[in-house]
Amino acid sequence: MKSKATFVIVLMVIMVMVSLCEGTCEWYGTTPYCEGTCPSGYYRSAATQCSGYSPGCWTGSKVCCCT
């Protein structure tokens, strides 16, 4: 039962992180060594070790950058 609750919590966190990066925003950083940075003219909206679209980072993090 505990593992099911943990799965639900992790899924919810991923959904929130994905929702923070919508519209004119994109994720930067490539697994497994993410080290994401925003291009010039973009601002950092969020950061995570997993974006919900690909496996997690071994080091660094992916960043959500918006215009």
PDB file of N, CA and C in Angstrom:
ATOM      1  N   MET A   1       0.819  -1.199   0.000  1.00  0.00           N
ATOM      2  CA  MET A   1       0.000   0.000   0.000  1.00  0.00           C
ATOM      3  C   MET A   1       0.865   1.267   0.000  1.00  0.00           C
ATOM      4  N   LYS A   2       1.987   1.221   0.746  1.00  0.00           N
ATOM      5  CA  LYS A   2       2.863   2.382   0.815  1.00  0.00           C
ATOM      6  C   LYS A   2       3.465   2.713  -0.550  1.00  0.00           C
ATOM      7  N   SER A   3       3.829   1.683  -1.321  1.00  0.00           N
ATOM      8  CA  SER A   3       4.419   1.935  -2.636  1.00  0.00           C
ATOM      9  C   SER A   3       3.407   2.561  -3.594  1.00  0.00           C
ATOM     10  N   LYS A   4       2.150   2.223  -3.447  1.00  0.00           N
ATOM     11  CA  LYS A   4       1.107   2.817  -4.288  1.00  0.00           C
ATOM     12  C   LYS A   4       0.957   4.302  -3.960  1.00  0.00           C
ATOM     13  N   ALA A   5       0.983   4.635  -2.679  1.00  0.00           N
ATOM     14  CA  ALA A   5       0.883   6.036  -2.265  1.00  0.00           C
ATOM     15  C   ALA A   5       2.095   6.825  -2.755  1.00  0.00           C
ATOM     16  N   THR A   6       3.266   6.231  -2.669  1.00  0.00           N
ATOM     17  CA  THR A   6       4.481   6.884  -3.153  1.00  0.00           C
ATOM     18  C   THR A   6       4.395   7.129  -4.651  1.00  0.00           C
ATOM     19  N   PHE A   7       3.912   6.152  -5.396  1.00  0.00           N
ATOM     20  CA  PHE A   7       3.747   6.296  -6.844  1.00  0.00           C
ATOM     21  C   PHE A   7       2.810   7.458  -7.163  1.00  0.00           C
ATOM     22  N   VAL A   8       1.705   7.552  -6.455  1.00  0.00           N
ATOM     23  CA  VAL A   8       0.728   8.622  -6.698  1.00  0.00           C
ATOM     24  C   VAL A   8       1.354   9.983  -6.410  1.00  0.00           C
ATOM     25  N   ILE A   9       2.113  10.084  -5.338  1.00  0.00           N
ATOM     26  CA  ILE A   9       2.753  11.353  -4.992  1.00  0.00           C
ATOM     27  C   ILE A   9       3.776  11.745  -6.056  1.00  0.00           C
ATOM     28  N   VAL A  10       4.591  10.799  -6.491  1.00  0.00           N
ATOM     29  CA  VAL A  10       5.584  11.080  -7.535  1.00  0.00           C
ATOM     30  C   VAL A  10       4.893  11.505  -8.824  1.00  0.00           C
ATOM     31  N   LEU A  11       3.836  10.832  -9.188  1.00  0.00           N
ATOM     32  CA  LEU A  11       3.084  11.181 -10.391  1.00  0.00           C
ATOM     33  C   LEU A  11       2.524  12.599 -10.291  1.00  0.00           C
ATOM     34  N   MET A  12       2.011  12.960  -9.140  1.00  0.00           N
ATOM     35  CA  MET A  12       1.464  14.309  -8.947  1.00  0.00           C
ATOM     36  C   MET A  12       2.557  15.367  -9.064  1.00  0.00           C
ATOM     37  N   VAL A  13       3.722  15.099  -8.494  1.00  0.00           N
ATOM     38  CA  VAL A  13       4.836  16.045  -8.589  1.00  0.00           C
ATOM     39  C   VAL A  13       5.248  16.237 -10.044  1.00  0.00           C
ATOM     40  N   ILE A  14       5.333  15.154 -10.794  1.00  0.00           N
ATOM     41  CA  ILE A  14       5.685  15.248 -12.217  1.00  0.00           C
ATOM     42  C   ILE A  14       4.644  16.063 -12.972  1.00  0.00           C
ATOM     43  N   MET A  15       3.378  15.841 -12.688  1.00  0.00           N
ATOM     44  CA  MET A  15       2.311  16.583 -13.367  1.00  0.00           C
ATOM     45  C   MET A  15       2.410  18.073 -13.063  1.00  0.00           C
ATOM     46  N   VAL A  16       2.721  18.427 -11.828  1.00  0.00           N
ATOM     47  CA  VAL A  16       2.865  19.836 -11.461  1.00  0.00           C
ATOM     48  C   VAL A  16       4.051  20.443 -12.191  1.00  0.00           C
ATOM     49  N   MET A  17       5.183  19.725 -12.228  1.00  0.00           N
ATOM     50  CA  MET A  17       6.362  20.248 -12.910  1.00  0.00           C
ATOM     51  C   MET A  17       6.099  20.440 -14.404  1.00  0.00           C
ATOM     52  N   VAL A  18       5.402  19.511 -15.018  1.00  0.00           N
ATOM     53  CA  VAL A  18       5.073  19.632 -16.440  1.00  0.00           C
ATOM     54  C   VAL A  18       4.149  20.818 -16.661  1.00  0.00           C
ATOM     55  N   SER A  19       3.178  21.033 -15.775  1.00  0.00           N
ATOM     56  CA  SER A  19       2.240  22.142 -15.939  1.00  0.00           C
ATOM     57  C   SER A  19       2.930  23.487 -15.759  1.00  0.00           C
ATOM     58  N   LEU A  20       4.058  23.531 -15.038  1.00  0.00           N
ATOM     59  CA  LEU A  20       4.805  24.773 -14.876  1.00  0.00           C
ATOM     60  C   LEU A  20       5.518  25.174 -16.156  1.00  0.00           C
ATOM     61  N   CYS A  21       5.633  24.259 -17.079  1.00  0.00           N
ATOM     62  CA  CYS A  21       6.383  24.511 -18.308  1.00  0.00           C
ATOM     63  C   CYS A  21       5.462  24.320 -19.509  1.00  0.00           C
ATOM     64  N   GLU A  22       4.525  25.216 -19.673  1.00  0.00           N
ATOM     65  CA  GLU A  22       3.587  25.143 -20.793  1.00  0.00           C
ATOM     66  C   GLU A  22       3.610  26.449 -21.567  1.00  0.00           C
ATOM     67  N   GLY A  23       2.955  26.471 -22.686  1.00  0.00           N
ATOM     68  CA  GLY A  23       2.846  27.678 -23.492  1.00  0.00           C
ATOM     69  C   GLY A  23       4.129  27.966 -24.243  1.00  0.00           C
ATOM     70  N   THR A  24       4.708  29.157 -24.014  1.00  0.00           N
ATOM     71  CA  THR A  24       5.930  29.557 -24.709  1.00  0.00           C
ATOM     72  C   THR A  24       7.177  29.120 -23.942  1.00  0.00           C
ATOM     73  N   CYS A  25       7.098  27.999 -23.254  1.00  0.00           N
ATOM     74  CA  CYS A  25       8.208  27.485 -22.450  1.00  0.00           C
ATOM     75  C   CYS A  25       8.701  26.153 -23.003  1.00  0.00           C
ATOM     76  N   GLU A  26       9.981  25.875 -22.753  1.00  0.00           N
ATOM     77  CA  GLU A  26      10.582  24.612 -23.178  1.00  0.00           C
ATOM     78  C   GLU A  26      11.530  24.116 -22.102  1.00  0.00           C
ATOM     79  N   TRP A  27      11.704  22.783 -22.052  1.00  0.00           N
ATOM     80  CA  TRP A  27      12.672  22.176 -21.143  1.00  0.00           C
ATOM     81  C   TRP A  27      14.036  22.132 -21.814  1.00  0.00           C
ATOM     82  N   TYR A  28      15.087  22.479 -21.076  1.00  0.00           N
ATOM     83  CA  TYR A  28      16.467  22.399 -21.548  1.00  0.00           C
ATOM     84  C   TYR A  28      17.264  21.526 -20.592  1.00  0.00           C
ATOM     85  N   GLY A  29      18.152  20.720 -21.152  1.00  0.00           N
ATOM     86  CA  GLY A  29      18.960  19.786 -20.377  1.00  0.00           C
ATOM     87  C   GLY A  29      18.700  18.383 -20.890  1.00  0.00           C
ATOM     88  N   THR A  30      19.751  17.649 -21.207  1.00  0.00           N
ATOM     89  CA  THR A  30      19.625  16.324 -21.791  1.00  0.00           C
ATOM     90  C   THR A  30      20.136  15.273 -20.817  1.00  0.00           C
ATOM     91  N   THR A  31      19.325  14.230 -20.599  1.00  0.00           N
ATOM     92  CA  THR A  31      19.735  13.163 -19.706  1.00  0.00           C
ATOM     93  C   THR A  31      20.898  12.392 -20.311  1.00  0.00           C
ATOM     94  N   PRO A  32      21.732  11.783 -19.553  1.00  0.00           N
ATOM     95  CA  PRO A  32      21.678  11.668 -18.100  1.00  0.00           C
ATOM     96  C   PRO A  32      22.398  12.798 -17.367  1.00  0.00           C
ATOM     97  N   TYR A  33      23.210  13.610 -18.084  1.00  0.00           N
ATOM     98  CA  TYR A  33      23.942  14.708 -17.443  1.00  0.00           C
ATOM     99  C   TYR A  33      23.298  16.020 -17.865  1.00  0.00           C
ATOM    100  N   CYS A  34      22.261  16.412 -17.195  1.00  0.00           N
ATOM    101  CA  CYS A  34      21.369  17.469 -17.682  1.00  0.00           C
ATOM    102  C   CYS A  34      22.015  18.844 -17.803  1.00  0.00           C
ATOM    103  N   GLU A  35      22.418  19.456 -16.717  1.00  0.00           N
ATOM    104  CA  GLU A  35      23.080  20.764 -16.742  1.00  0.00           C
ATOM    105  C   GLU A  35      22.351  21.759 -17.640  1.00  0.00           C
ATOM    106  N   GLY A  36      21.023  21.824 -17.531  1.00  0.00           N
ATOM    107  CA  GLY A  36      20.230  22.711 -18.377  1.00  0.00           C
ATOM    108  C   GLY A  36      20.435  24.183 -18.052  1.00  0.00           C
ATOM    109  N   THR A  37      20.494  25.004 -19.078  1.00  0.00           N
ATOM    110  CA  THR A  37      20.578  26.458 -18.927  1.00  0.00           C
ATOM    111  C   THR A  37      19.626  27.096 -19.930  1.00  0.00           C
ATOM    112  N   CYS A  38      19.152  28.268 -19.589  1.00  0.00           N
ATOM    113  CA  CYS A  38      18.230  28.982 -20.474  1.00  0.00           C
ATOM    114  C   CYS A  38      19.005  29.793 -21.508  1.00  0.00           C
ATOM    115  N   PRO A  39      18.506  29.812 -22.747  1.00  0.00           N
ATOM    116  CA  PRO A  39      19.125  30.644 -23.779  1.00  0.00           C
ATOM    117  C   PRO A  39      18.940  32.126 -23.455  1.00  0.00           C
ATOM    118  N   SER A  40      19.720  32.962 -24.084  1.00  0.00           N
ATOM    119  CA  SER A  40      19.600  34.406 -23.922  1.00  0.00           C
ATOM    120  C   SER A  40      18.186  34.853 -24.281  1.00  0.00           C
ATOM    121  N   GLY A  41      17.597  35.697 -23.466  1.00  0.00           N
ATOM    122  CA  GLY A  41      16.251  36.194 -23.717  1.00  0.00           C
ATOM    123  C   GLY A  41      15.160  35.373 -23.064  1.00  0.00           C
ATOM    124  N   TYR A  42      15.512  34.256 -22.431  1.00  0.00           N
ATOM    125  CA  TYR A  42      14.555  33.399 -21.734  1.00  0.00           C
ATOM    126  C   TYR A  42      14.752  33.548 -20.229  1.00  0.00           C
ATOM    127  N   TYR A  43      13.713  33.269 -19.451  1.00  0.00           N
ATOM    128  CA  TYR A  43      13.858  33.247 -18.001  1.00  0.00           C
ATOM    129  C   TYR A  43      13.537  31.849 -17.485  1.00  0.00           C
ATOM    130  N   ARG A  44      14.144  31.501 -16.380  1.00  0.00           N
ATOM    131  CA  ARG A  44      13.971  30.168 -15.786  1.00  0.00           C
ATOM    132  C   ARG A  44      12.683  30.134 -14.969  1.00  0.00           C
ATOM    133  N   SER A  45      11.784  29.248 -15.333  1.00  0.00           N
ATOM    134  CA  SER A  45      10.488  29.123 -14.671  1.00  0.00           C
ATOM    135  C   SER A  45      10.482  28.015 -13.630  1.00  0.00           C
ATOM    136  N   ALA A  46      11.190  26.920 -13.894  1.00  0.00           N
ATOM    137  CA  ALA A  46      11.205  25.771 -12.985  1.00  0.00           C
ATOM    138  C   ALA A  46      12.438  24.931 -13.282  1.00  0.00           C
ATOM    139  N   ALA A  47      12.765  24.048 -12.334  1.00  0.00           N
ATOM    140  CA  ALA A  47      13.870  23.106 -12.529  1.00  0.00           C
ATOM    141  C   ALA A  47      13.511  21.793 -11.863  1.00  0.00           C
ATOM    142  N   THR A  48      13.958  20.692 -12.452  1.00  0.00           N
ATOM    143  CA  THR A  48      13.687  19.376 -11.891  1.00  0.00           C
ATOM    144  C   THR A  48      14.711  18.379 -12.412  1.00  0.00           C
ATOM    145  N   GLN A  49      14.824  17.255 -11.723  1.00  0.00           N
ATOM    146  CA  GLN A  49      15.718  16.201 -12.198  1.00  0.00           C
ATOM    147  C   GLN A  49      15.005  15.286 -13.177  1.00  0.00           C
ATOM    148  N   CYS A  50      13.683  15.459 -13.351  1.00  0.00           N
ATOM    149  CA  CYS A  50      12.940  14.716 -14.378  1.00  0.00           C
ATOM    150  C   CYS A  50      11.853  15.627 -14.913  1.00  0.00           C
ATOM    151  N   SER A  51      11.640  15.621 -16.201  1.00  0.00           N
ATOM    152  CA  SER A  51      10.658  16.525 -16.801  1.00  0.00           C
ATOM    153  C   SER A  51       9.315  15.871 -17.049  1.00  0.00           C
ATOM    154  N   GLY A  52       9.231  14.570 -16.857  1.00  0.00           N
ATOM    155  CA  GLY A  52       8.003  13.870 -17.171  1.00  0.00           C
ATOM    156  C   GLY A  52       7.989  13.336 -18.594  1.00  0.00           C
ATOM    157  N   TYR A  53       8.926  13.796 -19.421  1.00  0.00           N
ATOM    158  CA  TYR A  53       8.988  13.361 -20.811  1.00  0.00           C
ATOM    159  C   TYR A  53      10.120  12.382 -21.072  1.00  0.00           C
ATOM    160  N   SER A  54      11.064  12.282 -20.133  1.00  0.00           N
ATOM    161  CA  SER A  54      12.228  11.426 -20.345  1.00  0.00           C
ATOM    162  C   SER A  54      12.783  10.975 -19.005  1.00  0.00           C
ATOM    163  N   PRO A  55      13.745  10.053 -19.016  1.00  0.00           N
ATOM    164  CA  PRO A  55      14.330   9.580 -17.759  1.00  0.00           C
ATOM    165  C   PRO A  55      14.960  10.716 -16.964  1.00  0.00           C
ATOM    166  N   GLY A  56      15.161  10.488 -15.692  1.00  0.00           N
ATOM    167  CA  GLY A  56      15.727  11.501 -14.812  1.00  0.00           C
ATOM    168  C   GLY A  56      17.206  11.772 -15.052  1.00  0.00           C
ATOM    169  N   CYS A  57      17.685  12.823 -14.417  1.00  0.00           N
ATOM    170  CA  CYS A  57      19.074  13.245 -14.537  1.00  0.00           C
ATOM    171  C   CYS A  57      19.945  12.511 -13.525  1.00  0.00           C
ATOM    172  N   TRP A  58      21.142  12.108 -13.942  1.00  0.00           N
ATOM    173  CA  TRP A  58      22.126  11.558 -13.013  1.00  0.00           C
ATOM    174  C   TRP A  58      22.798  12.703 -12.275  1.00  0.00           C
ATOM    175  N   THR A  59      23.070  13.794 -13.005  1.00  0.00           N
ATOM    176  CA  THR A  59      23.654  14.989 -12.405  1.00  0.00           C
ATOM    177  C   THR A  59      22.919  16.199 -12.950  1.00  0.00           C
ATOM    178  N   GLY A  60      23.006  17.303 -12.242  1.00  0.00           N
ATOM    179  CA  GLY A  60      22.380  18.535 -12.688  1.00  0.00           C
ATOM    180  C   GLY A  60      20.868  18.438 -12.705  1.00  0.00           C
ATOM    181  N   SER A  61      20.244  19.319 -13.462  1.00  0.00           N
ATOM    182  CA  SER A  61      18.789  19.305 -13.574  1.00  0.00           C
ATOM    183  C   SER A  61      18.371  19.883 -14.916  1.00  0.00           C
ATOM    184  N   LYS A  62      17.143  19.585 -15.285  1.00  0.00           N
ATOM    185  CA  LYS A  62      16.540  20.181 -16.469  1.00  0.00           C
ATOM    186  C   LYS A  62      15.886  21.477 -16.013  1.00  0.00           C
ATOM    187  N   VAL A  63      15.856  22.471 -16.873  1.00  0.00           N
ATOM    188  CA  VAL A  63      15.234  23.736 -16.529  1.00  0.00           C
ATOM    189  C   VAL A  63      14.155  24.070 -17.544  1.00  0.00           C
ATOM    190  N   CYS A  64      13.098  24.660 -17.053  1.00  0.00           N
ATOM    191  CA  CYS A  64      12.014  25.132 -17.906  1.00  0.00           C
ATOM    192  C   CYS A  64      12.271  26.606 -18.168  1.00  0.00           C
ATOM    193  N   CYS A  65      12.455  26.964 -19.433  1.00  0.00           N
ATOM    194  CA  CYS A  65      12.771  28.336 -19.819  1.00  0.00           C
ATOM    195  C   CYS A  65      11.628  28.909 -20.653  1.00  0.00           C
ATOM    196  N   CYS A  66      11.250  30.130 -20.322  1.00  0.00           N
ATOM    197  CA  CYS A  66      10.120  30.784 -21.002  1.00  0.00           C
ATOM    198  C   CYS A  66      10.555  32.112 -21.603  1.00  0.00           C
ATOM    199  N   THR A  67       9.815  32.545 -22.629  1.00  0.00           N
ATOM    200  CA  THR A  67      10.113  33.839 -23.242  1.00  0.00           C
ATOM    201  C   THR A  67       9.261  34.908 -22.620  1.00  0.00           C
TER     202      THR A  67
END
